[in-house]
Amino acid sequence: MITITKFFLNDQEYYGKGFFTLFDIITYFGYNASLLVIEYNDLICDKKNWRQIGIQNEDKIEIVTIVGGG
């Protein structure tokens, strides 16, 4: 049986099937991983953990992109 997981990404509701990680979400939505800060359930998430953190039902993820300028 495949599990359906509801999660929130930047305040929008999404659904996913099976097991997936923060890194999978970044890849799926086409973010440049080198320019991101991720808040996962109200905590800043270290980049080295993105591939290990599995998304659970009702998780809240905020992705902030870093923009340079001059």
PDB file of N, CA and C in Angstrom:
ATOM      1  N   MET A   1       0.835  -1.182   0.000  1.00  0.00           N
ATOM      2  CA  MET A   1       0.000   0.000   0.000  1.00  0.00           C
ATOM      3  C   MET A   1       0.881   1.248   0.000  1.00  0.00           C
ATOM      4  N   ILE A   2       0.600   2.188  -0.889  1.00  0.00           N
ATOM      5  CA  ILE A   2       1.348   3.427  -0.983  1.00  0.00           C
ATOM      6  C   ILE A   2       0.700   4.469  -0.085  1.00  0.00           C
ATOM      7  N   THR A   3       1.518   5.112   0.713  1.00  0.00           N
ATOM      8  CA  THR A   3       1.049   6.136   1.628  1.00  0.00           C
ATOM      9  C   THR A   3       1.009   7.496   0.930  1.00  0.00           C
ATOM     10  N   ILE A   4      -0.068   8.234   1.164  1.00  0.00           N
ATOM     11  CA  ILE A   4      -0.182   9.607   0.671  1.00  0.00           C
ATOM     12  C   ILE A   4       0.168  10.544   1.830  1.00  0.00           C
ATOM     13  N   THR A   5       1.101  11.455   1.571  1.00  0.00           N
ATOM     14  CA  THR A   5       1.559  12.389   2.592  1.00  0.00           C
ATOM     15  C   THR A   5       1.162  13.806   2.201  1.00  0.00           C
ATOM     16  N   LYS A   6       0.498  14.491   3.126  1.00  0.00           N
ATOM     17  CA  LYS A   6       0.170  15.905   2.919  1.00  0.00           C
ATOM     18  C   LYS A   6       1.233  16.742   3.618  1.00  0.00           C
ATOM     19  N   PHE A   7       1.792  17.710   2.890  1.00  0.00           N
ATOM     20  CA  PHE A   7       2.777  18.607   3.487  1.00  0.00           C
ATOM     21  C   PHE A   7       2.535  20.012   2.963  1.00  0.00           C
ATOM     22  N   PHE A   8       3.135  20.971   3.630  1.00  0.00           N
ATOM     23  CA  PHE A   8       2.978  22.374   3.255  1.00  0.00           C
ATOM     24  C   PHE A   8       4.345  22.918   2.851  1.00  0.00           C
ATOM     25  N   LEU A   9       4.403  23.486   1.661  1.00  0.00           N
ATOM     26  CA  LEU A   9       5.627  24.079   1.153  1.00  0.00           C
ATOM     27  C   LEU A   9       5.348  25.544   0.876  1.00  0.00           C
ATOM     28  N   ASN A  10       6.042  26.415   1.593  1.00  0.00           N
ATOM     29  CA  ASN A  10       5.826  27.859   1.472  1.00  0.00           C
ATOM     30  C   ASN A  10       4.340  28.208   1.562  1.00  0.00           C
ATOM     31  N   ASP A  11       3.682  27.623   2.549  1.00  0.00           N
ATOM     32  CA  ASP A  11       2.268  27.859   2.881  1.00  0.00           C
ATOM     33  C   ASP A  11       1.267  27.310   1.865  1.00  0.00           C
ATOM     34  N   GLN A  12       1.725  26.508   0.912  1.00  0.00           N
ATOM     35  CA  GLN A  12       0.802  25.861  -0.025  1.00  0.00           C
ATOM     36  C   GLN A  12       0.758  24.370   0.269  1.00  0.00           C
ATOM     37  N   GLU A  13      -0.420  23.796   0.158  1.00  0.00           N
ATOM     38  CA  GLU A  13      -0.634  22.387   0.466  1.00  0.00           C
ATOM     39  C   GLU A  13      -0.289  21.514  -0.745  1.00  0.00           C
ATOM     40  N   TYR A  14       0.489  20.450  -0.476  1.00  0.00           N
ATOM     41  CA  TYR A  14       0.872  19.490  -1.512  1.00  0.00           C
ATOM     42  C   TYR A  14       0.677  18.085  -0.986  1.00  0.00           C
ATOM     43  N   TYR A  15       0.627  17.140  -1.908  1.00  0.00           N
ATOM     44  CA  TYR A  15       0.518  15.727  -1.567  1.00  0.00           C
ATOM     45  C   TYR A  15       1.595  14.950  -2.313  1.00  0.00           C
ATOM     46  N   GLY A  16       2.164  13.943  -1.645  1.00  0.00           N
ATOM     47  CA  GLY A  16       3.159  13.092  -2.275  1.00  0.00           C
ATOM     48  C   GLY A  16       2.862  11.634  -1.967  1.00  0.00           C
ATOM     49  N   LYS A  17       3.370  10.755  -2.828  1.00  0.00           N
ATOM     50  CA  LYS A  17       3.180   9.312  -2.643  1.00  0.00           C
ATOM     51  C   LYS A  17       4.478   8.665  -2.204  1.00  0.00           C
ATOM     52  N   GLY A  18       4.361   7.727  -1.278  1.00  0.00           N
ATOM     53  CA  GLY A  18       5.525   6.976  -0.838  1.00  0.00           C
ATOM     54  C   GLY A  18       6.485   7.817  -0.015  1.00  0.00           C
ATOM     55  N   PHE A  19       7.718   7.330   0.080  1.00  0.00           N
ATOM     56  CA  PHE A  19       8.744   8.007   0.875  1.00  0.00           C
ATOM     57  C   PHE A  19       9.485   9.014   0.008  1.00  0.00           C
ATOM     58  N   PHE A  20       9.671  10.231   0.524  1.00  0.00           N
ATOM     59  CA  PHE A  20      10.477  11.231  -0.157  1.00  0.00           C
ATOM     60  C   PHE A  20      11.107  12.144   0.884  1.00  0.00           C
ATOM     61  N   THR A  21      12.188  12.800   0.482  1.00  0.00           N
ATOM     62  CA  THR A  21      12.993  13.602   1.406  1.00  0.00           C
ATOM     63  C   THR A  21      12.939  15.084   1.048  1.00  0.00           C
ATOM     64  N   LEU A  22      13.531  15.901   1.897  1.00  0.00           N
ATOM     65  CA  LEU A  22      13.655  17.323   1.587  1.00  0.00           C
ATOM     66  C   LEU A  22      14.401  17.512   0.269  1.00  0.00           C
ATOM     67  N   PHE A  23      15.462  16.740   0.056  1.00  0.00           N
ATOM     68  CA  PHE A  23      16.226  16.857  -1.182  1.00  0.00           C
ATOM     69  C   PHE A  23      15.360  16.506  -2.393  1.00  0.00           C
ATOM     70  N   ASP A  24      14.505  15.512  -2.263  1.00  0.00           N
ATOM     71  CA  ASP A  24      13.596  15.155  -3.363  1.00  0.00           C
ATOM     72  C   ASP A  24      12.678  16.324  -3.715  1.00  0.00           C
ATOM     73  N   ILE A  25      12.191  17.031  -2.717  1.00  0.00           N
ATOM     74  CA  ILE A  25      11.320  18.189  -2.958  1.00  0.00           C
ATOM     75  C   ILE A  25      12.089  19.294  -3.681  1.00  0.00           C
ATOM     76  N   ILE A  26      13.297  19.563  -3.220  1.00  0.00           N
ATOM     77  CA  ILE A  26      14.126  20.590  -3.857  1.00  0.00           C
ATOM     78  C   ILE A  26      14.343  20.256  -5.328  1.00  0.00           C
ATOM     79  N   THR A  27      14.666  19.012  -5.593  1.00  0.00           N
ATOM     80  CA  THR A  27      14.912  18.561  -6.964  1.00  0.00           C
ATOM     81  C   THR A  27      13.640  18.643  -7.798  1.00  0.00           C
ATOM     82  N   TYR A  28      12.541  18.152  -7.263  1.00  0.00           N
ATOM     83  CA  TYR A  28      11.276  18.124  -8.002  1.00  0.00           C
ATOM     84  C   TYR A  28      10.844  19.529  -8.426  1.00  0.00           C
ATOM     85  N   PHE A  29      10.974  20.493  -7.532  1.00  0.00           N
ATOM     86  CA  PHE A  29      10.535  21.854  -7.827  1.00  0.00           C
ATOM     87  C   PHE A  29      11.605  22.697  -8.535  1.00  0.00           C
ATOM     88  N   GLY A  30      12.761  22.127  -8.794  1.00  0.00           N
ATOM     89  CA  GLY A  30      13.783  22.788  -9.598  1.00  0.00           C
ATOM     90  C   GLY A  30      14.567  23.886  -8.903  1.00  0.00           C
ATOM     91  N   TYR A  31      14.675  23.812  -7.592  1.00  0.00           N
ATOM     92  CA  TYR A  31      15.465  24.805  -6.856  1.00  0.00           C
ATOM     93  C   TYR A  31      16.957  24.543  -7.039  1.00  0.00           C
ATOM     94  N   ASN A  32      17.748  25.593  -6.979  1.00  0.00           N
ATOM     95  CA  ASN A  32      19.203  25.480  -6.983  1.00  0.00           C
ATOM     96  C   ASN A  32      19.633  25.284  -5.533  1.00  0.00           C
ATOM     97  N   ALA A  33      20.041  24.089  -5.176  1.00  0.00           N
ATOM     98  CA  ALA A  33      20.332  23.729  -3.790  1.00  0.00           C
ATOM     99  C   ALA A  33      21.432  24.575  -3.164  1.00  0.00           C
ATOM    100  N   SER A  34      22.316  25.131  -3.966  1.00  0.00           N
ATOM    101  CA  SER A  34      23.409  25.914  -3.393  1.00  0.00           C
ATOM    102  C   SER A  34      22.959  27.296  -2.924  1.00  0.00           C
ATOM    103  N   LEU A  35      21.739  27.701  -3.288  1.00  0.00           N
ATOM    104  CA  LEU A  35      21.258  29.040  -2.940  1.00  0.00           C
ATOM    105  C   LEU A  35      20.032  29.022  -2.032  1.00  0.00           C
ATOM    106  N   LEU A  36      19.941  28.010  -1.167  1.00  0.00           N
ATOM    107  CA  LEU A  36      18.733  27.847  -0.352  1.00  0.00           C
ATOM    108  C   LEU A  36      19.011  27.817   1.137  1.00  0.00           C
ATOM    109  N   VAL A  37      18.002  28.250   1.875  1.00  0.00           N
ATOM    110  CA  VAL A  37      17.907  27.997   3.310  1.00  0.00           C
ATOM    111  C   VAL A  37      16.545  27.336   3.495  1.00  0.00           C
ATOM    112  N   ILE A  38      16.519  26.242   4.252  1.00  0.00           N
ATOM    113  CA  ILE A  38      15.257  25.530   4.466  1.00  0.00           C
ATOM    114  C   ILE A  38      14.896  25.534   5.941  1.00  0.00           C
ATOM    115  N   GLU A  39      13.658  25.923   6.193  1.00  0.00           N
ATOM    116  CA  GLU A  39      13.085  25.819   7.528  1.00  0.00           C
ATOM    117  C   GLU A  39      12.132  24.637   7.495  1.00  0.00           C
ATOM    118  N   TYR A  40      12.385  23.670   8.357  1.00  0.00           N
ATOM    119  CA  TYR A  40      11.597  22.433   8.398  1.00  0.00           C
ATOM    120  C   TYR A  40      10.934  22.333   9.764  1.00  0.00           C
ATOM    121  N   ASN A  41       9.622  22.433   9.783  1.00  0.00           N
ATOM    122  CA  ASN A  41       8.858  22.419  11.039  1.00  0.00           C
ATOM    123  C   ASN A  41       9.421  23.428  12.041  1.00  0.00           C
ATOM    124  N   ASP A  42       9.614  24.648  11.570  1.00  0.00           N
ATOM    125  CA  ASP A  42      10.035  25.796  12.383  1.00  0.00           C
ATOM    126  C   ASP A  42      11.494  25.779  12.829  1.00  0.00           C
ATOM    127  N   LEU A  43      12.310  24.881  12.263  1.00  0.00           N
ATOM    128  CA  LEU A  43      13.736  24.850  12.583  1.00  0.00           C
ATOM    129  C   LEU A  43      14.551  24.944  11.304  1.00  0.00           C
ATOM    130  N   ILE A  44      15.638  25.703  11.334  1.00  0.00           N
ATOM    131  CA  ILE A  44      16.536  25.776  10.176  1.00  0.00           C
ATOM    132  C   ILE A  44      17.194  24.403  10.022  1.00  0.00           C
ATOM    133  N   CYS A  45      17.169  23.893   8.815  1.00  0.00           N
ATOM    134  CA  CYS A  45      17.661  22.546   8.550  1.00  0.00           C
ATOM    135  C   CYS A  45      19.033  22.614   7.881  1.00  0.00           C
ATOM    136  N   ASP A  46      20.011  21.926   8.457  1.00  0.00           N
ATOM    137  CA  ASP A  46      21.363  21.872   7.908  1.00  0.00           C
ATOM    138  C   ASP A  46      21.351  21.145   6.571  1.00  0.00           C
ATOM    139  N   LYS A  47      22.020  21.707   5.598  1.00  0.00           N
ATOM    140  CA  LYS A  47      22.056  21.169   4.238  1.00  0.00           C
ATOM    141  C   LYS A  47      22.541  19.723   4.199  1.00  0.00           C
ATOM    142  N   LYS A  48      23.431  19.345   5.095  1.00  0.00           N
ATOM    143  CA  LYS A  48      23.961  17.976   5.085  1.00  0.00           C
ATOM    144  C   LYS A  48      22.897  16.935   5.460  1.00  0.00           C
ATOM    145  N   ASN A  49      21.768  17.374   6.003  1.00  0.00           N
ATOM    146  CA  ASN A  49      20.704  16.445   6.410  1.00  0.00           C
ATOM    147  C   ASN A  49      19.555  16.339   5.407  1.00  0.00           C
ATOM    148  N   TRP A  50      19.574  17.130   4.337  1.00  0.00           N
ATOM    149  CA  TRP A  50      18.444  17.172   3.411  1.00  0.00           C
ATOM    150  C   TRP A  50      18.109  15.815   2.801  1.00  0.00           C
ATOM    151  N   ARG A  51      19.098  14.987   2.551  1.00  0.00           N
ATOM    152  CA  ARG A  51      18.853  13.675   1.930  1.00  0.00           C
ATOM    153  C   ARG A  51      18.343  12.636   2.928  1.00  0.00           C
ATOM    154  N   GLN A  52      18.479  12.899   4.216  1.00  0.00           N
ATOM    155  CA  GLN A  52      18.050  11.941   5.239  1.00  0.00           C
ATOM    156  C   GLN A  52      16.691  12.256   5.855  1.00  0.00           C
ATOM    157  N   ILE A  53      16.234  13.475   5.718  1.00  0.00           N
ATOM    158  CA  ILE A  53      14.979  13.874   6.372  1.00  0.00           C
ATOM    159  C   ILE A  53      13.801  13.498   5.492  1.00  0.00           C
ATOM    160  N   GLY A  54      13.063  12.496   5.956  1.00  0.00           N
ATOM    161  CA  GLY A  54      11.866  12.052   5.250  1.00  0.00           C
ATOM    162  C   GLY A  54      10.675  12.917   5.614  1.00  0.00           C
ATOM    163  N   ILE A  55       9.880  13.241   4.625  1.00  0.00           N
ATOM    164  CA  ILE A  55       8.710  14.096   4.829  1.00  0.00           C
ATOM    165  C   ILE A  55       7.583  13.276   5.445  1.00  0.00           C
ATOM    166  N   GLN A  56       7.013  13.822   6.494  1.00  0.00           N
ATOM    167  CA  GLN A  56       5.909  13.190   7.210  1.00  0.00           C
ATOM    168  C   GLN A  56       4.626  13.996   6.987  1.00  0.00           C
ATOM    169  N   ASN A  57       3.507  13.357   7.264  1.00  0.00           N
ATOM    170  CA  ASN A  57       2.213  14.008   7.114  1.00  0.00           C
ATOM    171  C   ASN A  57       2.157  15.287   7.955  1.00  0.00           C
ATOM    172  N   GLU A  58       1.674  16.371   7.347  1.00  0.00           N
ATOM    173  CA  GLU A  58       1.485  17.676   7.985  1.00  0.00           C
ATOM    174  C   GLU A  58       2.786  18.450   8.222  1.00  0.00           C
ATOM    175  N   ASP A  59       3.920  18.012   7.662  1.00  0.00           N
ATOM    176  CA  ASP A  59       5.163  18.759   7.809  1.00  0.00           C
ATOM    177  C   ASP A  59       5.037  20.126   7.146  1.00  0.00           C
ATOM    178  N   LYS A  60       5.767  21.092   7.712  1.00  0.00           N
ATOM    179  CA  LYS A  60       5.770  22.452   7.171  1.00  0.00           C
ATOM    180  C   LYS A  60       7.193  22.794   6.739  1.00  0.00           C
ATOM    181  N   ILE A  61       7.325  23.153   5.474  1.00  0.00           N
ATOM    182  CA  ILE A  61       8.624  23.447   4.887  1.00  0.00           C
ATOM    183  C   ILE A  61       8.585  24.843   4.280  1.00  0.00           C
ATOM    184  N   GLU A  62       9.563  25.640   4.629  1.00  0.00           N
ATOM    185  CA  GLU A  62       9.714  26.966   4.028  1.00  0.00           C
ATOM    186  C   GLU A  62      11.057  26.980   3.323  1.00  0.00           C
ATOM    187  N   ILE A  63      11.058  27.336   2.049  1.00  0.00           N
ATOM    188  CA  ILE A  63      12.288  27.427   1.280  1.00  0.00           C
ATOM    189  C   ILE A  63      12.523  28.900   0.960  1.00  0.00           C
ATOM    190  N   VAL A  64      13.689  29.370   1.356  1.00  0.00           N
ATOM    191  CA  VAL A  64      14.078  30.756   1.101  1.00  0.00           C
ATOM    192  C   VAL A  64      15.266  30.716   0.150  1.00  0.00           C
ATOM    193  N   THR A  65      15.164  31.422  -0.959  1.00  0.00           N
ATOM    194  CA  THR A  65      16.271  31.494  -1.889  1.00  0.00           C
ATOM    195  C   THR A  65      17.118  32.730  -1.604  1.00  0.00           C
ATOM    196  N   ILE A  66      18.411  32.565  -1.754  1.00  0.00           N
ATOM    197  CA  ILE A  66      19.360  33.650  -1.513  1.00  0.00           C
ATOM    198  C   ILE A  66      19.621  34.338  -2.849  1.00  0.00           C
ATOM    199  N   VAL A  67      19.460  35.651  -2.852  1.00  0.00           N
ATOM    200  CA  VAL A  67      19.669  36.423  -4.066  1.00  0.00           C
ATOM    201  C   VAL A  67      20.804  37.407  -3.814  1.00  0.00           C
ATOM    202  N   GLY A  68      21.777  37.381  -4.699  1.00  0.00           N
ATOM    203  CA  GLY A  68      22.888  38.322  -4.585  1.00  0.00           C
ATOM    204  C   GLY A  68      22.627  39.558  -5.430  1.00  0.00           C
ATOM    205  N   GLY A  69      23.296  40.587  -5.113  1.00  0.00           N
ATOM    206  CA  GLY A  69      23.130  41.815  -5.888  1.00  0.00           C
ATOM    207  C   GLY A  69      24.294  42.758  -5.627  1.00  0.00           C
ATOM    208  N   GLY A  70      24.276  43.813  -6.333  1.00  0.00           N
ATOM    209  CA  GLY A  70      25.379  44.730  -6.126  1.00  0.00           C
ATOM    210  C   GLY A  70      25.056  46.118  -6.542  1.00  0.00           C
TER     211      GLY A  70
END
